[in-house]
Amino acid sequence: MTMTLLLPIAAAGLAGLAVLVILFAARGMLARDTNVDSRLNIYLGGGATDAGAPTFLEPQFTEKLNEAIKRQSFAERIERDLAQANVPLTVPEYLLVRIAVPLVLAVVALVVWRSVLPVPPALLLGSVLPILWLRMRRKQRNRNFNDQLADTLALTSASMRGGFSLVQSLANVSRDSAEPTKSELRRVGQEVQLGLSIQQALDNLVVRMESEDLDLVVTAIKIHARVGGNLTLILENISTTIRERAKLRREVRVITSMQRISSYVIGGLPLALGAIIFAINPAYMGRMFAPGWTLCIPVGAVFFSLVGFILIQRIVDIKV
């Protein structure tokens, strides 16, 4: 069978597999969202949902897959990352997405270049993209929360001076705050309504956000719950400290901005130029990927580009 016949068959097979994986993930998300909403409405006073809902929304596939995956050691880490990034996916759904993205990119590479040479790089790129996207979303969300924390504490202490309790103050602040503080404080209030103590709800918030400043605030609240004291004054002092640290952190980011941009240029420019030349003339670039000593050229270029990027990022990563 010639290569001209193999390429359409391979593209059709990869496309069909990608569509199947996407359908499984979409079905699981739709069924899970309906099921969770119906349960939460009962506990939060929304009433029971219609018992005669369509049976095709039952999350059979996702639940069975979740039971098998949750026993694995990596499931807890992925679940924590999804919670920190506020991505409404379960672990099986996220893994299905990580399978679907490389397949889709491989199909696109086959259709565009009509060659099997771009398929391995497309599969590698597709397997890395969801991980990088989740990591960037988590870091950006944590950064936004830390930037808003000082103002959140100031508003909370002002509300407590007005006579509200800590839980009521957090609920009041959540109505007027921006994301992600708004959704996180609302979740703390929902957990308290469902029976958790305020300390347990705040501990869960610390796990989701991974913030040293927030950990300091929660520790102060726990100490106040045991020994007493003026919690309003404590929160105001912590708010002032966090605001000064955030100001210093922003100054450091401005000073090191040029170095961080240089790391992106050093790491991405050679790869981007290689991809452009490969798209223009695949035969010319394909000689470097042939078996032999020339294969060391692209491998070494990718390796040293990544090493330079990581080294510069480590140098400019100044802890405040």
Protein backbone atom coordinates (compact mmCIF):
# COMPACT_ATOMS: atom_id res chain seq x y z
CA MET A 1 0.00 0.00 0.00
CA THR A 2 1.51 3.30 -1.06
CA MET A 3 2.07 6.32 1.17
CA THR A 4 -0.63 8.31 -0.65
CA LEU A 5 -3.21 5.75 0.52
CA LEU A 6 -1.82 5.40 4.03
CA LEU A 7 -1.98 9.12 4.81
CA PRO A 8 -5.77 9.53 4.34
CA ILE A 9 -6.42 6.34 6.30
CA ALA A 10 -4.16 7.46 9.15
CA ALA A 11 -5.72 10.93 9.18
CA ALA A 12 -9.23 9.48 9.22
CA GLY A 13 -8.35 7.08 12.01
CA LEU A 14 -6.77 9.78 14.18
CA ALA A 15 -9.70 12.13 13.52
CA GLY A 16 -12.24 9.46 14.46
CA LEU A 17 -10.34 8.62 17.65
CA ALA A 18 -10.10 12.31 18.57
CA VAL A 19 -13.82 12.84 18.01
CA LEU A 20 -14.62 9.77 20.11
CA VAL A 21 -12.47 10.99 22.99
CA ILE A 22 -14.00 14.49 22.82
CA LEU A 23 -17.53 13.03 22.85
CA PHE A 24 -16.74 10.91 25.91
CA ALA A 25 -15.31 13.94 27.73
CA ALA A 26 -18.25 16.18 26.77
CA ARG A 27 -20.79 13.57 27.84
CA GLY A 28 -19.08 13.12 31.19
CA MET A 29 -18.94 16.89 31.84
CA LEU A 30 -22.60 17.40 30.90
CA ALA A 31 -23.78 14.52 33.06
CA ARG A 32 -21.60 15.51 35.98
CA ASP A 33 -22.72 19.14 35.97
CA THR A 34 -26.40 18.13 35.96
CA ASN A 35 -25.90 15.63 38.76
CA VAL A 36 -23.90 18.00 40.97
CA ASP A 37 -26.36 20.87 40.50
CA SER A 38 -29.26 18.68 41.52
CA ARG A 39 -27.52 17.58 44.72
CA LEU A 40 -26.36 21.06 45.71
CA ASN A 41 -29.82 22.53 45.17
CA ILE A 42 -31.23 20.14 47.76
CA TYR A 43 -28.72 21.15 50.45
CA LEU A 44 -28.67 24.87 49.67
CA GLY A 45 -32.43 25.28 49.61
CA GLY A 46 -33.04 25.13 45.88
CA GLY A 47 -35.35 22.15 46.09
CA ALA A 48 -35.16 18.83 44.33
CA THR A 49 -34.82 18.66 40.59
CA ASP A 50 -37.06 16.82 38.19
CA ALA A 51 -36.77 13.08 38.78
CA GLY A 52 -37.79 12.34 35.22
CA ALA A 53 -34.66 13.78 33.62
CA PRO A 54 -33.36 12.01 30.53
CA THR A 55 -31.36 8.90 31.33
CA PHE A 56 -28.69 9.61 28.71
CA LEU A 57 -27.16 12.16 31.10
CA GLU A 58 -26.13 9.46 33.59
CA PRO A 59 -22.33 9.77 34.03
CA GLN A 60 -21.66 6.03 33.75
CA PHE A 61 -18.49 6.22 31.75
CA THR A 62 -16.96 9.08 33.74
CA GLU A 63 -17.79 7.54 37.12
CA LYS A 64 -16.35 4.16 36.20
CA LEU A 65 -13.23 5.79 34.81
CA ASN A 66 -12.98 8.02 37.87
CA GLU A 67 -13.15 5.01 40.20
CA ALA A 68 -10.29 3.38 38.34
CA ILE A 69 -8.14 6.51 38.16
CA LYS A 70 -8.62 7.75 41.73
CA ARG A 71 -6.68 4.74 42.99
CA GLN A 72 -3.60 5.93 41.13
CA SER A 73 -0.98 8.08 42.83
CA PHE A 74 -1.13 10.88 40.25
CA ALA A 75 -4.91 11.42 40.55
CA GLU A 76 -4.71 13.44 43.77
CA ARG A 77 -2.06 15.77 42.34
CA ILE A 78 -4.05 16.38 39.14
CA GLU A 79 -7.23 16.99 41.13
CA ARG A 80 -5.43 19.57 43.28
CA ASP A 81 -4.06 21.32 40.20
CA LEU A 82 -7.51 21.48 38.63
CA ALA A 83 -8.98 22.94 41.82
CA GLN A 84 -6.21 25.55 42.05
CA ALA A 85 -6.76 26.57 38.42
CA ASN A 86 -10.57 26.56 38.89
CA VAL A 87 -11.02 24.28 35.87
CA PRO A 88 -14.44 22.54 36.06
CA LEU A 89 -13.10 19.14 35.00
CA THR A 90 -12.67 15.85 36.80
CA VAL A 91 -9.43 13.90 36.53
CA PRO A 92 -10.76 11.51 33.83
CA GLU A 93 -12.10 14.40 31.77
CA TYR A 94 -8.78 16.23 31.97
CA LEU A 95 -6.92 13.09 30.91
CA LEU A 96 -9.31 12.69 27.98
CA VAL A 97 -8.54 16.28 26.96
CA ARG A 98 -4.83 15.51 27.15
CA ILE A 99 -5.42 12.57 24.80
CA ALA A 100 -7.66 14.48 22.39
CA VAL A 101 -5.39 17.51 21.88
CA PRO A 102 -2.38 15.53 20.52
CA LEU A 103 -4.69 13.54 18.23
CA VAL A 104 -6.26 16.70 16.81
CA LEU A 105 -2.86 18.31 16.21
CA ALA A 106 -1.61 15.12 14.57
CA VAL A 107 -4.58 15.13 12.19
CA VAL A 108 -3.95 18.80 11.35
CA ALA A 109 -0.26 18.06 10.71
CA LEU A 110 -1.15 15.16 8.38
CA VAL A 111 -3.68 17.22 6.45
CA VAL A 112 -1.47 20.31 6.10
CA TRP A 113 1.90 18.76 5.32
CA ARG A 114 0.73 15.39 3.88
CA SER A 115 3.66 13.66 5.51
CA VAL A 116 4.26 11.55 8.61
CA LEU A 117 7.33 13.55 9.65
CA PRO A 118 5.36 16.33 11.43
CA VAL A 119 3.22 13.82 13.36
CA PRO A 120 5.68 13.07 16.23
CA PRO A 121 6.35 16.79 16.90
CA ALA A 122 2.60 17.45 16.75
CA LEU A 123 1.93 14.66 19.24
CA LEU A 124 4.66 15.97 21.55
CA LEU A 125 3.36 19.53 21.31
CA GLY A 126 -0.21 18.39 21.94
CA SER A 127 0.80 16.44 25.03
CA VAL A 128 2.64 19.44 26.49
CA LEU A 129 0.09 22.18 25.69
CA PRO A 130 -2.61 21.12 28.24
CA ILE A 131 0.00 20.86 30.99
CA LEU A 132 1.43 24.29 30.22
CA TRP A 133 -2.04 25.81 29.94
CA LEU A 134 -3.11 24.41 33.31
CA ARG A 135 0.11 25.57 34.98
CA MET A 136 -0.15 29.09 33.54
CA ARG A 137 -3.81 29.37 34.53
CA ARG A 138 -3.04 28.21 38.07
CA LYS A 139 -0.13 30.63 38.50
CA GLN A 140 -2.10 33.55 37.07
CA ARG A 141 -5.05 32.83 39.32
CA ASN A 142 -2.86 32.58 42.42
CA ARG A 143 -1.11 35.82 41.47
CA ASN A 144 -4.41 37.65 41.06
CA PHE A 145 -5.66 36.33 44.39
CA ASN A 146 -2.49 37.42 46.19
CA ASP A 147 -2.72 40.88 44.62
CA GLN A 148 -6.31 41.23 45.90
CA LEU A 149 -5.65 39.76 49.35
CA ALA A 150 -4.65 43.02 51.05
CA ASP A 151 -7.81 44.80 49.91
CA THR A 152 -9.87 41.74 50.88
CA LEU A 153 -8.52 41.82 54.42
CA ALA A 154 -9.11 45.57 54.67
CA LEU A 155 -12.74 45.16 53.61
CA THR A 156 -13.19 42.20 55.95
CA SER A 157 -11.84 44.10 58.95
CA ALA A 158 -14.01 47.12 58.10
CA SER A 159 -17.07 44.87 57.93
CA MET A 160 -16.21 43.33 61.29
CA ARG A 161 -15.91 46.78 62.80
CA GLY A 162 -19.49 47.31 61.67
CA GLY A 163 -20.65 44.43 63.86
CA PHE A 164 -20.65 41.47 61.46
CA SER A 165 -19.09 38.11 62.28
CA LEU A 166 -16.17 36.70 60.31
CA VAL A 167 -18.40 34.47 58.16
CA GLN A 168 -20.82 37.33 57.45
CA SER A 169 -17.94 39.66 56.63
CA LEU A 170 -16.45 37.20 54.15
CA ALA A 171 -19.88 36.79 52.54
CA ASN A 172 -20.26 40.57 52.23
CA VAL A 173 -16.78 40.96 50.74
CA SER A 174 -17.40 38.16 48.22
CA ARG A 175 -20.31 40.10 46.69
CA ASP A 176 -18.17 43.11 45.76
CA SER A 177 -14.82 41.47 45.06
CA ALA A 178 -13.31 40.63 41.69
CA GLU A 179 -12.33 37.19 40.49
CA PRO A 180 -10.83 34.95 41.76
CA THR A 181 -11.50 36.29 45.27
CA LYS A 182 -15.24 36.43 44.59
CA SER A 183 -15.62 32.74 43.70
CA GLU A 184 -13.21 31.53 46.39
CA LEU A 185 -14.91 33.40 49.23
CA ARG A 186 -18.28 32.27 47.94
CA ARG A 187 -17.04 28.69 48.07
CA VAL A 188 -15.89 29.21 51.66
CA GLY A 189 -19.40 30.38 52.54
CA GLN A 190 -20.98 27.38 50.81
CA GLU A 191 -18.72 24.96 52.67
CA VAL A 192 -19.71 26.58 55.97
CA GLN A 193 -23.39 26.23 55.02
CA LEU A 194 -22.84 22.55 54.26
CA GLY A 195 -21.48 21.89 57.77
CA LEU A 196 -17.76 22.64 57.78
CA SER A 197 -16.29 24.95 60.38
CA ILE A 198 -14.82 28.26 59.27
CA GLN A 199 -11.32 26.96 60.10
CA GLN A 200 -11.79 23.89 57.89
CA ALA A 201 -13.18 25.98 55.04
CA LEU A 202 -10.23 28.37 55.26
CA ASP A 203 -7.81 25.42 55.32
CA ASN A 204 -9.36 24.19 52.09
CA LEU A 205 -8.92 27.69 50.66
CA VAL A 206 -5.20 27.59 51.55
CA VAL A 207 -4.83 24.23 49.79
CA ARG A 208 -6.50 25.58 46.64
CA MET A 209 -4.55 28.85 46.47
CA GLU A 210 -1.12 27.89 47.88
CA SER A 211 -0.48 31.39 49.20
CA GLU A 212 1.97 32.09 52.01
CA ASP A 213 0.17 35.33 52.85
CA LEU A 214 -3.17 33.54 53.03
CA ASP A 215 -1.60 30.86 55.23
CA LEU A 216 -0.50 33.63 57.62
CA VAL A 217 -4.04 35.02 57.73
CA VAL A 218 -5.62 31.63 58.39
CA THR A 219 -3.08 30.90 61.14
CA ALA A 220 -3.92 34.21 62.82
CA ILE A 221 -7.65 33.38 62.66
CA LYS A 222 -7.02 29.95 64.22
CA ILE A 223 -4.97 31.46 67.03
CA HIS A 224 -7.69 34.04 67.65
CA ALA A 225 -10.30 31.26 67.85
CA ARG A 226 -8.31 29.57 70.64
CA VAL A 227 -6.90 32.43 72.71
CA GLY A 228 -9.10 35.38 71.71
CA GLY A 229 -8.01 38.93 70.97
CA ASN A 230 -8.85 41.75 68.60
CA LEU A 231 -9.16 39.99 65.25
CA THR A 232 -10.02 43.24 63.45
CA LEU A 233 -6.73 44.86 64.47
CA ILE A 234 -4.81 41.70 63.57
CA LEU A 235 -6.29 41.61 60.08
CA GLU A 236 -5.51 45.29 59.55
CA ASN A 237 -1.87 44.78 60.52
CA ILE A 238 -1.56 41.74 58.26
CA SER A 239 -3.20 43.70 55.44
CA THR A 240 -0.59 46.44 55.76
CA THR A 241 2.25 43.91 55.75
CA ILE A 242 0.87 42.08 52.70
CA ARG A 243 0.38 45.35 50.83
CA GLU A 244 4.03 46.32 51.38
CA ARG A 245 5.23 42.89 50.30
CA ALA A 246 3.05 43.03 47.18
CA LYS A 247 4.49 46.45 46.34
CA LEU A 248 8.03 45.11 46.67
CA ARG A 249 7.11 42.05 44.60
CA ARG A 250 5.78 44.23 41.79
CA GLU A 251 8.95 46.32 41.81
CA VAL A 252 11.05 43.17 41.50
CA ARG A 253 8.94 41.95 38.56
CA VAL A 254 9.39 45.29 36.79
CA ILE A 255 13.16 45.20 37.29
CA THR A 256 13.46 41.62 35.99
CA SER A 257 10.94 42.00 33.14
CA MET A 258 13.65 42.41 30.47
CA GLN A 259 15.41 39.24 31.60
CA ARG A 260 12.16 37.25 31.59
CA ILE A 261 11.35 38.43 28.06
CA SER A 262 14.88 37.42 27.01
CA SER A 263 14.26 33.90 28.30
CA TYR A 264 11.14 33.59 26.13
CA VAL A 265 13.01 34.87 23.08
CA ILE A 266 15.98 32.56 23.63
CA GLY A 267 13.75 29.56 24.23
CA GLY A 268 11.14 30.15 21.54
CA LEU A 269 12.85 31.89 18.64
CA PRO A 270 14.98 28.93 17.40
CA LEU A 271 12.02 26.57 17.62
CA ALA A 272 9.73 29.03 15.84
CA LEU A 273 12.23 29.63 13.03
CA GLY A 274 12.74 25.90 12.61
CA ALA A 275 8.98 25.34 12.40
CA ILE A 276 8.59 28.12 9.81
CA ILE A 277 11.41 26.77 7.62
CA PHE A 278 9.94 23.26 7.95
CA ALA A 279 6.53 24.55 6.81
CA ILE A 280 8.09 26.32 3.80
CA ASN A 281 10.46 23.55 2.70
CA PRO A 282 9.88 20.21 4.49
CA ALA A 283 12.40 18.35 2.32
CA TYR A 284 15.20 20.76 3.26
CA MET A 285 14.56 20.46 7.01
CA GLY A 286 13.79 16.77 6.78
CA ARG A 287 17.46 15.99 6.07
CA MET A 288 18.38 16.92 9.64
CA PHE A 289 15.87 14.38 10.99
CA ALA A 290 17.26 11.52 8.91
CA PRO A 291 19.09 8.74 10.82
CA GLY A 292 22.72 9.66 11.37
CA TRP A 293 24.87 12.30 13.00
CA THR A 294 22.72 15.12 11.60
CA LEU A 295 19.96 14.11 14.03
CA CYS A 296 22.09 15.56 16.83
CA ILE A 297 21.54 19.09 15.42
CA PRO A 298 17.77 19.44 16.11
CA VAL A 299 17.99 17.43 19.33
CA GLY A 300 20.84 19.60 20.64
CA ALA A 301 19.09 22.80 19.55
CA VAL A 302 15.91 21.90 21.41
CA PHE A 303 17.82 20.72 24.49
CA PHE A 304 20.01 23.79 24.85
CA SER A 305 17.10 26.15 24.13
CA LEU A 306 15.18 24.60 27.00
CA VAL A 307 18.25 24.69 29.26
CA GLY A 308 18.77 28.41 28.54
CA PHE A 309 15.11 29.16 29.16
CA ILE A 310 15.08 27.30 32.49
CA LEU A 311 18.33 28.85 33.71
CA ILE A 312 17.20 32.41 33.01
CA GLN A 313 13.84 31.75 34.65
CA ARG A 314 15.58 30.42 37.76
CA ILE A 315 17.91 33.42 37.92
CA VAL A 316 15.14 36.00 37.74
CA ASP A 317 12.82 34.10 40.11
CA ILE A 318 13.51 36.23 43.18
CA LYS A 319 11.56 35.31 46.28
CA VAL A 320 10.11 38.18 48.29
